[in-house]
Amino acid sequence: MIKYVIALVFSVSVLNAQNNQNQVQNDVKVGDVFEIGKPETNSYKHIDFPRANFIIKKGGIANYKSVHGEKVVVTAIKEKKDGTTEVKIKRANGNRFFGSHTVVAADITKALASGELQLL
């Protein structure tokens, strides 16, 4: 009997954890302000910044350290077929990323979990 009670408590806690994760995804709205954090590795995984050669071709400077600490605004939200939520972000001050790109995409749930984006 105790095994059934433990299994029931475990299943309720797992369902509650999944519900909380979906709630974070749905709370993001157009116009929310985030700050770009420092990535865990040398490059950003969940924010789709363009590769250095594309930045240079458009006349920008490929310095990924310059975006650390920048405030960004959500301009669009898109639910993908695989269930992830993709947002389009632009800089809050109106300047371009690296001097060449106005808008970049990001996987909001993974970026928030890894610390690449931080809610203000």
PDB file of N, CA and C in Angstrom:
ATOM      1  N   MET A   1       0.819  -1.195   0.000  1.00  0.00           N
ATOM      2  CA  MET A   1       0.000   0.000   0.000  1.00  0.00           C
ATOM      3  C   MET A   1       0.866   1.265   0.000  1.00  0.00           C
ATOM      4  N   ILE A   2       1.935   1.233   0.740  1.00  0.00           N
ATOM      5  CA  ILE A   2       2.818   2.398   0.814  1.00  0.00           C
ATOM      6  C   ILE A   2       3.457   2.673  -0.549  1.00  0.00           C
ATOM      7  N   LYS A   3       3.685   1.628  -1.333  1.00  0.00           N
ATOM      8  CA  LYS A   3       4.260   1.796  -2.670  1.00  0.00           C
ATOM      9  C   LYS A   3       3.316   2.589  -3.570  1.00  0.00           C
ATOM     10  N   TYR A   4       2.030   2.336  -3.451  1.00  0.00           N
ATOM     11  CA  TYR A   4       1.051   3.053  -4.261  1.00  0.00           C
ATOM     12  C   TYR A   4       0.983   4.536  -3.876  1.00  0.00           C
ATOM     13  N   VAL A   5       1.091   4.813  -2.594  1.00  0.00           N
ATOM     14  CA  VAL A   5       1.055   6.196  -2.130  1.00  0.00           C
ATOM     15  C   VAL A   5       2.286   6.947  -2.635  1.00  0.00           C
ATOM     16  N   ILE A   6       3.447   6.304  -2.566  1.00  0.00           N
ATOM     17  CA  ILE A   6       4.673   6.933  -3.054  1.00  0.00           C
ATOM     18  C   ILE A   6       4.603   7.163  -4.561  1.00  0.00           C
ATOM     19  N   ALA A   7       4.088   6.181  -5.304  1.00  0.00           N
ATOM     20  CA  ALA A   7       3.949   6.335  -6.754  1.00  0.00           C
ATOM     21  C   ALA A   7       2.983   7.463  -7.094  1.00  0.00           C
ATOM     22  N   LEU A   8       1.907   7.591  -6.337  1.00  0.00           N
ATOM     23  CA  LEU A   8       0.936   8.659  -6.571  1.00  0.00           C
ATOM     24  C   LEU A   8       1.554  10.027  -6.302  1.00  0.00           C
ATOM     25  N   VAL A   9       2.274  10.176  -5.215  1.00  0.00           N
ATOM     26  CA  VAL A   9       2.916  11.443  -4.883  1.00  0.00           C
ATOM     27  C   VAL A   9       3.954  11.808  -5.937  1.00  0.00           C
ATOM     28  N   PHE A  10       4.723  10.842  -6.390  1.00  0.00           N
ATOM     29  CA  PHE A  10       5.732  11.073  -7.418  1.00  0.00           C
ATOM     30  C   PHE A  10       5.095  11.526  -8.730  1.00  0.00           C
ATOM     31  N   SER A  11       4.024  10.858  -9.143  1.00  0.00           N
ATOM     32  CA  SER A  11       3.395  11.232 -10.407  1.00  0.00           C
ATOM     33  C   SER A  11       2.759  12.623 -10.330  1.00  0.00           C
ATOM     34  N   VAL A  12       2.191  12.986  -9.206  1.00  0.00           N
ATOM     35  CA  VAL A  12       1.607  14.319  -9.054  1.00  0.00           C
ATOM     36  C   VAL A  12       2.704  15.380  -9.103  1.00  0.00           C
ATOM     37  N   SER A  13       3.838  15.111  -8.485  1.00  0.00           N
ATOM     38  CA  SER A  13       4.926  16.099  -8.503  1.00  0.00           C
ATOM     39  C   SER A  13       5.509  16.263  -9.902  1.00  0.00           C
ATOM     40  N   VAL A  14       5.602  15.183 -10.677  1.00  0.00           N
ATOM     41  CA  VAL A  14       6.107  15.276 -12.051  1.00  0.00           C
ATOM     42  C   VAL A  14       5.143  16.080 -12.922  1.00  0.00           C
ATOM     43  N   LEU A  15       3.857  15.839 -12.776  1.00  0.00           N
ATOM     44  CA  LEU A  15       2.870  16.596 -13.554  1.00  0.00           C
ATOM     45  C   LEU A  15       2.887  18.073 -13.175  1.00  0.00           C
ATOM     46  N   ASN A  16       3.076  18.375 -11.914  1.00  0.00           N
ATOM     47  CA  ASN A  16       3.146  19.767 -11.475  1.00  0.00           C
ATOM     48  C   ASN A  16       4.383  20.456 -12.035  1.00  0.00           C
ATOM     49  N   ALA A  17       5.505  19.755 -12.094  1.00  0.00           N
ATOM     50  CA  ALA A  17       6.731  20.337 -12.652  1.00  0.00           C
ATOM     51  C   ALA A  17       6.563  20.641 -14.137  1.00  0.00           C
ATOM     52  N   GLN A  18       5.904  19.753 -14.873  1.00  0.00           N
ATOM     53  CA  GLN A  18       5.666  19.999 -16.295  1.00  0.00           C
ATOM     54  C   GLN A  18       4.733  21.182 -16.494  1.00  0.00           C
ATOM     55  N   ASN A  19       3.761  21.340 -15.644  1.00  0.00           N
ATOM     56  CA  ASN A  19       2.829  22.450 -15.741  1.00  0.00           C
ATOM     57  C   ASN A  19       3.545  23.779 -15.492  1.00  0.00           C
ATOM     58  N   ASN A  20       4.474  23.818 -14.544  1.00  0.00           N
ATOM     59  CA  ASN A  20       5.216  25.048 -14.269  1.00  0.00           C
ATOM     60  C   ASN A  20       6.101  25.439 -15.434  1.00  0.00           C
ATOM     61  N   GLN A  21       6.677  24.466 -16.142  1.00  0.00           N
ATOM     62  CA  GLN A  21       7.523  24.769 -17.290  1.00  0.00           C
ATOM     63  C   GLN A  21       6.692  25.391 -18.409  1.00  0.00           C
ATOM     64  N   ASN A  22       5.500  24.905 -18.654  1.00  0.00           N
ATOM     65  CA  ASN A  22       4.634  25.479 -19.682  1.00  0.00           C
ATOM     66  C   ASN A  22       4.192  26.886 -19.295  1.00  0.00           C
ATOM     67  N   GLN A  23       4.037  27.152 -18.018  1.00  0.00           N
ATOM     68  CA  GLN A  23       3.607  28.465 -17.578  1.00  0.00           C
ATOM     69  C   GLN A  23       4.665  29.519 -17.877  1.00  0.00           C
ATOM     70  N   VAL A  24       5.949  29.185 -17.741  1.00  0.00           N
ATOM     71  CA  VAL A  24       7.019  30.127 -18.049  1.00  0.00           C
ATOM     72  C   VAL A  24       6.999  30.471 -19.527  1.00  0.00           C
ATOM     73  N   GLN A  25       6.744  29.486 -20.395  1.00  0.00           N
ATOM     74  CA  GLN A  25       6.696  29.732 -21.827  1.00  0.00           C
ATOM     75  C   GLN A  25       5.567  30.692 -22.171  1.00  0.00           C
ATOM     76  N   ASN A  26       4.417  30.520 -21.563  1.00  0.00           N
ATOM     77  CA  ASN A  26       3.255  31.310 -21.915  1.00  0.00           C
ATOM     78  C   ASN A  26       3.297  32.715 -21.326  1.00  0.00           C
ATOM     79  N   ASP A  27       4.161  32.971 -20.361  1.00  0.00           N
ATOM     80  CA  ASP A  27       4.217  34.283 -19.742  1.00  0.00           C
ATOM     81  C   ASP A  27       4.970  35.306 -20.579  1.00  0.00           C
ATOM     82  N   VAL A  28       5.709  34.883 -21.588  1.00  0.00           N
ATOM     83  CA  VAL A  28       6.465  35.806 -22.425  1.00  0.00           C
ATOM     84  C   VAL A  28       5.511  36.467 -23.412  1.00  0.00           C
ATOM     85  N   LYS A  29       5.561  37.802 -23.457  1.00  0.00           N
ATOM     86  CA  LYS A  29       4.692  38.558 -24.356  1.00  0.00           C
ATOM     87  C   LYS A  29       5.550  39.486 -25.211  1.00  0.00           C
ATOM     88  N   VAL A  30       4.980  39.945 -26.301  1.00  0.00           N
ATOM     89  CA  VAL A  30       5.656  40.923 -27.144  1.00  0.00           C
ATOM     90  C   VAL A  30       5.832  42.202 -26.335  1.00  0.00           C
ATOM     91  N   GLY A  31       7.051  42.713 -26.317  1.00  0.00           N
ATOM     92  CA  GLY A  31       7.362  43.916 -25.568  1.00  0.00           C
ATOM     93  C   GLY A  31       8.105  43.650 -24.272  1.00  0.00           C
ATOM     94  N   ASP A  32       8.243  42.375 -23.871  1.00  0.00           N
ATOM     95  CA  ASP A  32       9.004  42.055 -22.664  1.00  0.00           C
ATOM     96  C   ASP A  32      10.475  42.381 -22.867  1.00  0.00           C
ATOM     97  N   VAL A  33      11.121  42.830 -21.803  1.00  0.00           N
ATOM     98  CA  VAL A  33      12.529  43.229 -21.872  1.00  0.00           C
ATOM     99  C   VAL A  33      13.381  42.176 -21.171  1.00  0.00           C
ATOM    100  N   PHE A  34      14.431  41.742 -21.847  1.00  0.00           N
ATOM    101  CA  PHE A  34      15.384  40.776 -21.312  1.00  0.00           C
ATOM    102  C   PHE A  34      16.779  41.372 -21.388  1.00  0.00           C
ATOM    103  N   GLU A  35      17.698  40.753 -20.675  1.00  0.00           N
ATOM    104  CA  GLU A  35      19.106  41.127 -20.756  1.00  0.00           C
ATOM    105  C   GLU A  35      19.879  39.904 -21.234  1.00  0.00           C
ATOM    106  N   ILE A  36      20.803  40.113 -22.151  1.00  0.00           N
ATOM    107  CA  ILE A  36      21.614  39.017 -22.652  1.00  0.00           C
ATOM    108  C   ILE A  36      22.697  38.723 -21.632  1.00  0.00           C
ATOM    109  N   GLY A  37      22.734  37.471 -21.186  1.00  0.00           N
ATOM    110  CA  GLY A  37      23.716  37.061 -20.196  1.00  0.00           C
ATOM    111  C   GLY A  37      24.937  36.440 -20.855  1.00  0.00           C
ATOM    112  N   LYS A  38      25.826  35.973 -20.025  1.00  0.00           N
ATOM    113  CA  LYS A  38      27.048  35.338 -20.515  1.00  0.00           C
ATOM    114  C   LYS A  38      26.753  33.869 -20.783  1.00  0.00           C
ATOM    115  N   PRO A  39      27.184  33.341 -21.944  1.00  0.00           N
ATOM    116  CA  PRO A  39      26.911  31.932 -22.238  1.00  0.00           C
ATOM    117  C   PRO A  39      27.788  31.010 -21.407  1.00  0.00           C
ATOM    118  N   GLU A  40      27.346  29.749 -21.285  1.00  0.00           N
ATOM    119  CA  GLU A  40      28.118  28.761 -20.538  1.00  0.00           C
ATOM    120  C   GLU A  40      29.417  28.421 -21.258  1.00  0.00           C
ATOM    121  N   THR A  41      29.402  28.435 -22.584  1.00  0.00           N
ATOM    122  CA  THR A  41      30.592  28.143 -23.376  1.00  0.00           C
ATOM    123  C   THR A  41      31.043  29.426 -24.069  1.00  0.00           C
ATOM    124  N   ASN A  42      31.904  29.294 -25.056  1.00  0.00           N
ATOM    125  CA  ASN A  42      32.398  30.472 -25.769  1.00  0.00           C
ATOM    126  C   ASN A  42      31.378  31.072 -26.727  1.00  0.00           C
ATOM    127  N   SER A  43      30.374  30.301 -27.108  1.00  0.00           N
ATOM    128  CA  SER A  43      29.387  30.800 -28.058  1.00  0.00           C
ATOM    129  C   SER A  43      27.980  30.632 -27.486  1.00  0.00           C
ATOM    130  N   TYR A  44      27.052  31.389 -28.051  1.00  0.00           N
ATOM    131  CA  TYR A  44      25.654  31.298 -27.636  1.00  0.00           C
ATOM    132  C   TYR A  44      25.004  30.134 -28.368  1.00  0.00           C
ATOM    133  N   LYS A  45      24.342  29.240 -27.624  1.00  0.00           N
ATOM    134  CA  LYS A  45      23.705  28.075 -28.229  1.00  0.00           C
ATOM    135  C   LYS A  45      22.237  28.308 -28.545  1.00  0.00           C
ATOM    136  N   HIS A  46      21.544  29.043 -27.700  1.00  0.00           N
ATOM    137  CA  HIS A  46      20.096  29.160 -27.824  1.00  0.00           C
ATOM    138  C   HIS A  46      19.640  30.502 -28.392  1.00  0.00           C
ATOM    139  N   ILE A  47      20.562  31.429 -28.553  1.00  0.00           N
ATOM    140  CA  ILE A  47      20.292  32.664 -29.277  1.00  0.00           C
ATOM    141  C   ILE A  47      20.991  32.518 -30.621  1.00  0.00           C
ATOM    142  N   ASP A  48      20.238  32.633 -31.698  1.00  0.00           N
ATOM    143  CA  ASP A  48      20.770  32.357 -33.036  1.00  0.00           C
ATOM    144  C   ASP A  48      21.458  33.589 -33.617  1.00  0.00           C
ATOM    145  N   PHE A  49      22.619  33.923 -33.054  1.00  0.00           N
ATOM    146  CA  PHE A  49      23.412  34.984 -33.647  1.00  0.00           C
ATOM    147  C   PHE A  49      24.039  34.459 -34.932  1.00  0.00           C
ATOM    148  N   PRO A  50      24.192  35.317 -35.940  1.00  0.00           N
ATOM    149  CA  PRO A  50      24.791  34.853 -37.198  1.00  0.00           C
ATOM    150  C   PRO A  50      26.275  34.525 -37.017  1.00  0.00           C
ATOM    151  N   ARG A  51      26.767  33.688 -37.892  1.00  0.00           N
ATOM    152  CA  ARG A  51      28.180  33.338 -37.855  1.00  0.00           C
ATOM    153  C   ARG A  51      29.016  34.553 -38.235  1.00  0.00           C
ATOM    154  N   ALA A  52      30.289  34.492 -37.869  1.00  0.00           N
ATOM    155  CA  ALA A  52      31.175  35.645 -38.041  1.00  0.00           C
ATOM    156  C   ALA A  52      31.319  36.050 -39.506  1.00  0.00           C
ATOM    157  N   ASN A  53      31.361  35.082 -40.421  1.00  0.00           N
ATOM    158  CA  ASN A  53      31.549  35.455 -41.820  1.00  0.00           C
ATOM    159  C   ASN A  53      30.345  36.221 -42.380  1.00  0.00           C
ATOM    160  N   PHE A  54      29.134  35.927 -41.916  1.00  0.00           N
ATOM    161  CA  PHE A  54      27.962  36.667 -42.378  1.00  0.00           C
ATOM    162  C   PHE A  54      27.946  38.079 -41.800  1.00  0.00           C
ATOM    163  N   ILE A  55      28.414  38.216 -40.573  1.00  0.00           N
ATOM    164  CA  ILE A  55      28.487  39.548 -39.961  1.00  0.00           C
ATOM    165  C   ILE A  55      29.477  40.414 -40.730  1.00  0.00           C
ATOM    166  N   ILE A  56      30.631  39.852 -41.048  1.00  0.00           N
ATOM    167  CA  ILE A  56      31.668  40.601 -41.758  1.00  0.00           C
ATOM    168  C   ILE A  56      31.215  40.966 -43.171  1.00  0.00           C
ATOM    169  N   LYS A  57      30.511  40.044 -43.854  1.00  0.00           N
ATOM    170  CA  LYS A  57      30.010  40.329 -45.204  1.00  0.00           C
ATOM    171  C   LYS A  57      29.033  41.500 -45.223  1.00  0.00           C
ATOM    172  N   LYS A  58      28.261  41.665 -44.146  1.00  0.00           N
ATOM    173  CA  LYS A  58      27.308  42.772 -44.075  1.00  0.00           C
ATOM    174  C   LYS A  58      27.925  44.038 -43.516  1.00  0.00           C
ATOM    175  N   GLY A  59      29.224  44.017 -43.244  1.00  0.00           N
ATOM    176  CA  GLY A  59      29.909  45.222 -42.802  1.00  0.00           C
ATOM    177  C   GLY A  59      29.958  45.409 -41.302  1.00  0.00           C
ATOM    178  N   GLY A  60      29.675  44.367 -40.541  1.00  0.00           N
ATOM    179  CA  GLY A  60      29.699  44.481 -39.087  1.00  0.00           C
ATOM    180  C   GLY A  60      30.996  43.988 -38.492  1.00  0.00           C
ATOM    181  N   ILE A  61      31.087  44.077 -37.190  1.00  0.00           N
ATOM    182  CA  ILE A  61      32.252  43.605 -36.450  1.00  0.00           C
ATOM    183  C   ILE A  61      31.811  42.413 -35.619  1.00  0.00           C
ATOM    184  N   ALA A  62      32.441  41.265 -35.831  1.00  0.00           N
ATOM    185  CA  ALA A  62      32.041  40.012 -35.190  1.00  0.00           C
ATOM    186  C   ALA A  62      32.668  39.890 -33.806  1.00  0.00           C
ATOM    187  N   ASN A  63      32.146  40.639 -32.843  1.00  0.00           N
ATOM    188  CA  ASN A  63      32.617  40.593 -31.470  1.00  0.00           C
ATOM    189  C   ASN A  63      31.443  40.156 -30.599  1.00  0.00           C
ATOM    190  N   TYR A  64      31.398  38.862 -30.261  1.00  0.00           N
ATOM    191  CA  TYR A  64      30.273  38.329 -29.496  1.00  0.00           C
ATOM    192  C   TYR A  64      30.290  38.793 -28.043  1.00  0.00           C
ATOM    193  N   LYS A  65      31.420  39.266 -27.548  1.00  0.00           N
ATOM    194  CA  LYS A  65      31.485  39.782 -26.180  1.00  0.00           C
ATOM    195  C   LYS A  65      30.751  41.117 -26.051  1.00  0.00           C
ATOM    196  N   SER A  66      30.554  41.808 -27.158  1.00  0.00           N
ATOM    197  CA  SER A  66      29.901  43.114 -27.093  1.00  0.00           C
ATOM    198  C   SER A  66      28.405  43.024 -26.791  1.00  0.00           C
ATOM    199  N   VAL A  67      27.785  41.877 -27.010  1.00  0.00           N
ATOM    200  CA  VAL A  67      26.348  41.748 -26.758  1.00  0.00           C
ATOM    201  C   VAL A  67      26.044  41.375 -25.309  1.00  0.00           C
ATOM    202  N   HIS A  68      27.052  40.971 -24.553  1.00  0.00           N
ATOM    203  CA  HIS A  68      26.844  40.611 -23.155  1.00  0.00           C
ATOM    204  C   HIS A  68      26.374  41.840 -22.366  1.00  0.00           C
ATOM    205  N   GLY A  69      25.245  41.699 -21.681  1.00  0.00           N
ATOM    206  CA  GLY A  69      24.701  42.796 -20.883  1.00  0.00           C
ATOM    207  C   GLY A  69      23.761  43.717 -21.622  1.00  0.00           C
ATOM    208  N   GLU A  70      23.531  43.482 -22.910  1.00  0.00           N
ATOM    209  CA  GLU A  70      22.621  44.329 -23.690  1.00  0.00           C
ATOM    210  C   GLU A  70      21.167  44.013 -23.345  1.00  0.00           C
ATOM    211  N   LYS A  71      20.352  45.035 -23.296  1.00  0.00           N
ATOM    212  CA  LYS A  71      18.919  44.852 -23.081  1.00  0.00           C
ATOM    213  C   LYS A  71      18.246  44.658 -24.432  1.00  0.00           C
ATOM    214  N   VAL A  72      17.359  43.653 -24.506  1.00  0.00           N
ATOM    215  CA  VAL A  72      16.665  43.334 -25.747  1.00  0.00           C
ATOM    216  C   VAL A  72      15.162  43.290 -25.489  1.00  0.00           C
ATOM    217  N   VAL A  73      14.394  43.510 -26.553  1.00  0.00           N
ATOM    218  CA  VAL A  73      12.939  43.532 -26.491  1.00  0.00           C
ATOM    219  C   VAL A  73      12.393  42.444 -27.414  1.00  0.00           C
ATOM    220  N   VAL A  74      11.379  41.728 -26.954  1.00  0.00           N
ATOM    221  CA  VAL A  74      10.729  40.697 -27.764  1.00  0.00           C
ATOM    222  C   VAL A  74       9.833  41.375 -28.790  1.00  0.00           C
ATOM    223  N   THR A  75      10.028  41.038 -30.081  1.00  0.00           N
ATOM    224  CA  THR A  75       9.215  41.639 -31.134  1.00  0.00           C
ATOM    225  C   THR A  75       8.194  40.675 -31.711  1.00  0.00           C
ATOM    226  N   ALA A  76       8.451  39.353 -31.635  1.00  0.00           N
ATOM    227  CA  ALA A  76       7.521  38.370 -32.171  1.00  0.00           C
ATOM    228  C   ALA A  76       7.699  37.047 -31.434  1.00  0.00           C
ATOM    229  N   ILE A  77       6.612  36.290 -31.328  1.00  0.00           N
ATOM    230  CA  ILE A  77       6.630  34.982 -30.680  1.00  0.00           C
ATOM    231  C   ILE A  77       6.043  33.973 -31.655  1.00  0.00           C
ATOM    232  N   LYS A  78       6.716  32.822 -31.785  1.00  0.00           N
ATOM    233  CA  LYS A  78       6.258  31.801 -32.721  1.00  0.00           C
ATOM    234  C   LYS A  78       6.378  30.433 -32.061  1.00  0.00           C
ATOM    235  N   GLU A  79       5.291  29.676 -32.100  1.00  0.00           N
ATOM    236  CA  GLU A  79       5.279  28.309 -31.594  1.00  0.00           C
ATOM    237  C   GLU A  79       5.653  27.380 -32.744  1.00  0.00           C
ATOM    238  N   LYS A  80       6.729  26.619 -32.583  1.00  0.00           N
ATOM    239  CA  LYS A  80       7.185  25.723 -33.641  1.00  0.00           C
ATOM    240  C   LYS A  80       6.462  24.385 -33.556  1.00  0.00           C
ATOM    241  N   LYS A  81       6.595  23.572 -34.605  1.00  0.00           N
ATOM    242  CA  LYS A  81       5.910  22.282 -34.663  1.00  0.00           C
ATOM    243  C   LYS A  81       6.392  21.309 -33.592  1.00  0.00           C
ATOM    244  N   ASP A  82       7.662  21.415 -33.203  1.00  0.00           N
ATOM    245  CA  ASP A  82       8.185  20.493 -32.193  1.00  0.00           C
ATOM    246  C   ASP A  82       7.873  20.925 -30.760  1.00  0.00           C
ATOM    247  N   GLY A  83       7.106  21.994 -30.581  1.00  0.00           N
ATOM    248  CA  GLY A  83       6.657  22.414 -29.265  1.00  0.00           C
ATOM    249  C   GLY A  83       7.503  23.499 -28.630  1.00  0.00           C
ATOM    250  N   THR A  84       8.600  23.891 -29.245  1.00  0.00           N
ATOM    251  CA  THR A  84       9.435  24.934 -28.674  1.00  0.00           C
ATOM    252  C   THR A  84       8.879  26.312 -29.047  1.00  0.00           C
ATOM    253  N   THR A  85       9.211  27.289 -28.251  1.00  0.00           N
ATOM    254  CA  THR A  85       8.768  28.654 -28.492  1.00  0.00           C
ATOM    255  C   THR A  85       9.963  29.477 -28.944  1.00  0.00           C
ATOM    256  N   GLU A  86       9.850  30.031 -30.136  1.00  0.00           N
ATOM    257  CA  GLU A  86      10.919  30.862 -30.695  1.00  0.00           C
ATOM    258  C   GLU A  86      10.467  32.311 -30.650  1.00  0.00           C
ATOM    259  N   VAL A  87      11.357  33.182 -30.183  1.00  0.00           N
ATOM    260  CA  VAL A  87      11.054  34.606 -30.146  1.00  0.00           C
ATOM    261  C   VAL A  87      12.054  35.352 -31.004  1.00  0.00           C
ATOM    262  N   LYS A  88      11.624  36.457 -31.551  1.00  0.00           N
ATOM    263  CA  LYS A  88      12.502  37.374 -32.270  1.00  0.00           C
ATOM    264  C   LYS A  88      12.797  38.521 -31.326  1.00  0.00           C
ATOM    265  N   ILE A  89      14.077  38.860 -31.190  1.00  0.00           N
ATOM    266  CA  ILE A  89      14.471  39.916 -30.278  1.00  0.00           C
ATOM    267  C   ILE A  89      15.275  40.979 -31.017  1.00  0.00           C
ATOM    268  N   LYS A  90      15.134  42.229 -30.567  1.00  0.00           N
ATOM    269  CA  LYS A  90      15.935  43.327 -31.096  1.00  0.00           C
ATOM    270  C   LYS A  90      16.468  44.112 -29.910  1.00  0.00           C
ATOM    271  N   ARG A  91      17.494  44.899 -30.138  1.00  0.00           N
ATOM    272  CA  ARG A  91      18.088  45.681 -29.058  1.00  0.00           C
ATOM    273  C   ARG A  91      17.128  46.768 -28.609  1.00  0.00           C
ATOM    274  N   ALA A  92      17.100  47.037 -27.338  1.00  0.00           N
ATOM    275  CA  ALA A  92      16.168  48.012 -26.771  1.00  0.00           C
ATOM    276  C   ALA A  92      16.506  49.437 -27.184  1.00  0.00           C
ATOM    277  N   ASN A  93      17.794  49.722 -27.418  1.00  0.00           N
ATOM    278  CA  ASN A  93      18.171  51.083 -27.788  1.00  0.00           C
ATOM    279  C   ASN A  93      18.021  51.350 -29.282  1.00  0.00           C
ATOM    280  N   GLY A  94      17.620  50.346 -30.076  1.00  0.00           N
ATOM    281  CA  GLY A  94      17.374  50.538 -31.494  1.00  0.00           C
ATOM    282  C   GLY A  94      18.571  50.291 -32.383  1.00  0.00           C
ATOM    283  N   ASN A  95      19.750  50.101 -31.805  1.00  0.00           N
ATOM    284  CA  ASN A  95      20.935  49.815 -32.622  1.00  0.00           C
ATOM    285  C   ASN A  95      20.885  48.393 -33.155  1.00  0.00           C
ATOM    286  N   ARG A  96      21.807  48.080 -34.044  1.00  0.00           N
ATOM    287  CA  ARG A  96      21.883  46.750 -34.638  1.00  0.00           C
ATOM    288  C   ARG A  96      22.858  45.878 -33.854  1.00  0.00           C
ATOM    289  N   PHE A  97      22.604  44.559 -33.875  1.00  0.00           N
ATOM    290  CA  PHE A  97      23.566  43.617 -33.318  1.00  0.00           C
ATOM    291  C   PHE A  97      24.783  43.596 -34.231  1.00  0.00           C
ATOM    292  N   PHE A  98      25.962  43.800 -33.691  1.00  0.00           N
ATOM    293  CA  PHE A  98      27.231  43.762 -34.415  1.00  0.00           C
ATOM    294  C   PHE A  98      27.304  44.806 -35.529  1.00  0.00           C
ATOM    295  N   GLY A  99      26.382  45.739 -35.569  1.00  0.00           N
ATOM    296  CA  GLY A  99      26.358  46.746 -36.610  1.00  0.00           C
ATOM    297  C   GLY A  99      25.781  46.259 -37.919  1.00  0.00           C
ATOM    298  N   SER A 100      25.189  45.047 -37.925  1.00  0.00           N
ATOM    299  CA  SER A 100      24.713  44.511 -39.202  1.00  0.00           C
ATOM    300  C   SER A 100      23.329  43.873 -39.142  1.00  0.00           C
ATOM    301  N   HIS A 101      22.897  43.321 -38.024  1.00  0.00           N
ATOM    302  CA  HIS A 101      21.629  42.599 -37.947  1.00  0.00           C
ATOM    303  C   HIS A 101      20.701  43.283 -36.947  1.00  0.00           C
ATOM    304  N   THR A 102      19.456  43.543 -37.370  1.00  0.00           N
ATOM    305  CA  THR A 102      18.507  44.227 -36.496  1.00  0.00           C
ATOM    306  C   THR A 102      17.790  43.259 -35.558  1.00  0.00           C
ATOM    307  N   VAL A 103      17.455  42.067 -36.048  1.00  0.00           N
ATOM    308  CA  VAL A 103      16.660  41.117 -35.274  1.00  0.00           C
ATOM    309  C   VAL A 103      17.341  39.749 -35.316  1.00  0.00           C
ATOM    310  N   VAL A 104      17.335  39.045 -34.185  1.00  0.00           N
ATOM    311  CA  VAL A 104      17.823  37.667 -34.122  1.00  0.00           C
ATOM    312  C   VAL A 104      16.767  36.816 -33.436  1.00  0.00           C
ATOM    313  N   ALA A 105      16.848  35.506 -33.646  1.00  0.00           N
ATOM    314  CA  ALA A 105      15.892  34.567 -33.056  1.00  0.00           C
ATOM    315  C   ALA A 105      16.512  33.900 -31.841  1.00  0.00           C
ATOM    316  N   ALA A 106      15.650  33.420 -30.936  1.00  0.00           N
ATOM    317  CA  ALA A 106      16.124  32.713 -29.747  1.00  0.00           C
ATOM    318  C   ALA A 106      15.068  31.708 -29.302  1.00  0.00           C
ATOM    319  N   ASP A 107      15.524  30.550 -28.806  1.00  0.00           N
ATOM    320  CA  ASP A 107      14.643  29.578 -28.170  1.00  0.00           C
ATOM    321  C   ASP A 107      14.497  30.027 -26.719  1.00  0.00           C
ATOM    322  N   ILE A 108      13.335  30.563 -26.375  1.00  0.00           N
ATOM    323  CA  ILE A 108      13.163  31.271 -25.118  1.00  0.00           C
ATOM    324  C   ILE A 108      13.319  30.372 -23.906  1.00  0.00           C
ATOM    325  N   THR A 109      12.789  29.167 -23.923  1.00  0.00           N
ATOM    326  CA  THR A 109      12.858  28.318 -22.732  1.00  0.00           C
ATOM    327  C   THR A 109      14.282  27.863 -22.456  1.00  0.00           C
ATOM    328  N   LYS A 110      14.994  27.464 -23.495  1.00  0.00           N
ATOM    329  CA  LYS A 110      16.368  27.006 -23.305  1.00  0.00           C
ATOM    330  C   LYS A 110      17.303  28.170 -22.989  1.00  0.00           C
ATOM    331  N   ALA A 111      17.057  29.319 -23.583  1.00  0.00           N
ATOM    332  CA  ALA A 111      17.896  30.486 -23.316  1.00  0.00           C
ATOM    333  C   ALA A 111      17.720  30.971 -21.876  1.00  0.00           C
ATOM    334  N   LEU A 112      16.499  30.943 -21.367  1.00  0.00           N
ATOM    335  CA  LEU A 112      16.275  31.336 -19.981  1.00  0.00           C
ATOM    336  C   LEU A 112      16.872  30.325 -19.014  1.00  0.00           C
ATOM    337  N   ALA A 113      16.753  29.030 -19.355  1.00  0.00           N
ATOM    338  CA  ALA A 113      17.284  27.997 -18.475  1.00  0.00           C
ATOM    339  C   ALA A 113      18.804  28.023 -18.405  1.00  0.00           C
ATOM    340  N   SER A 114      19.464  28.341 -19.530  1.00  0.00           N
ATOM    341  CA  SER A 114      20.923  28.340 -19.550  1.00  0.00           C
ATOM    342  C   SER A 114      21.525  29.660 -19.079  1.00  0.00           C
ATOM    343  N   GLY A 115      20.716  30.697 -18.944  1.00  0.00           N
ATOM    344  CA  GLY A 115      21.213  31.988 -18.489  1.00  0.00           C
ATOM    345  C   GLY A 115      21.646  32.910 -19.611  1.00  0.00           C
ATOM    346  N   GLU A 116      21.419  32.503 -20.863  1.00  0.00           N
ATOM    347  CA  GLU A 116      21.765  33.373 -21.981  1.00  0.00           C
ATOM    348  C   GLU A 116      20.843  34.576 -22.039  1.00  0.00           C
ATOM    349  N   LEU A 117      19.594  34.418 -21.620  1.00  0.00           N
ATOM    350  CA  LEU A 117      18.649  35.523 -21.483  1.00  0.00           C
ATOM    351  C   LEU A 117      18.192  35.581 -20.036  1.00  0.00           C
ATOM    352  N   GLN A 118      18.074  36.779 -19.508  1.00  0.00           N
ATOM    353  CA  GLN A 118      17.620  36.971 -18.138  1.00  0.00           C
ATOM    354  C   GLN A 118      16.488  37.976 -18.137  1.00  0.00           C
ATOM    355  N   LEU A 119      15.403  37.642 -17.464  1.00  0.00           N
ATOM    356  CA  LEU A 119      14.242  38.529 -17.397  1.00  0.00           C
ATOM    357  C   LEU A 119      14.537  39.710 -16.483  1.00  0.00           C
ATOM    358  N   LEU A 120      14.180  40.899 -16.934  1.00  0.00           N
ATOM    359  CA  LEU A 120      14.367  42.097 -16.101  1.00  0.00           C
ATOM    360  C   LEU A 120      13.085  42.461 -15.385  1.00  0.00           C
TER     361      LEU A 120
END
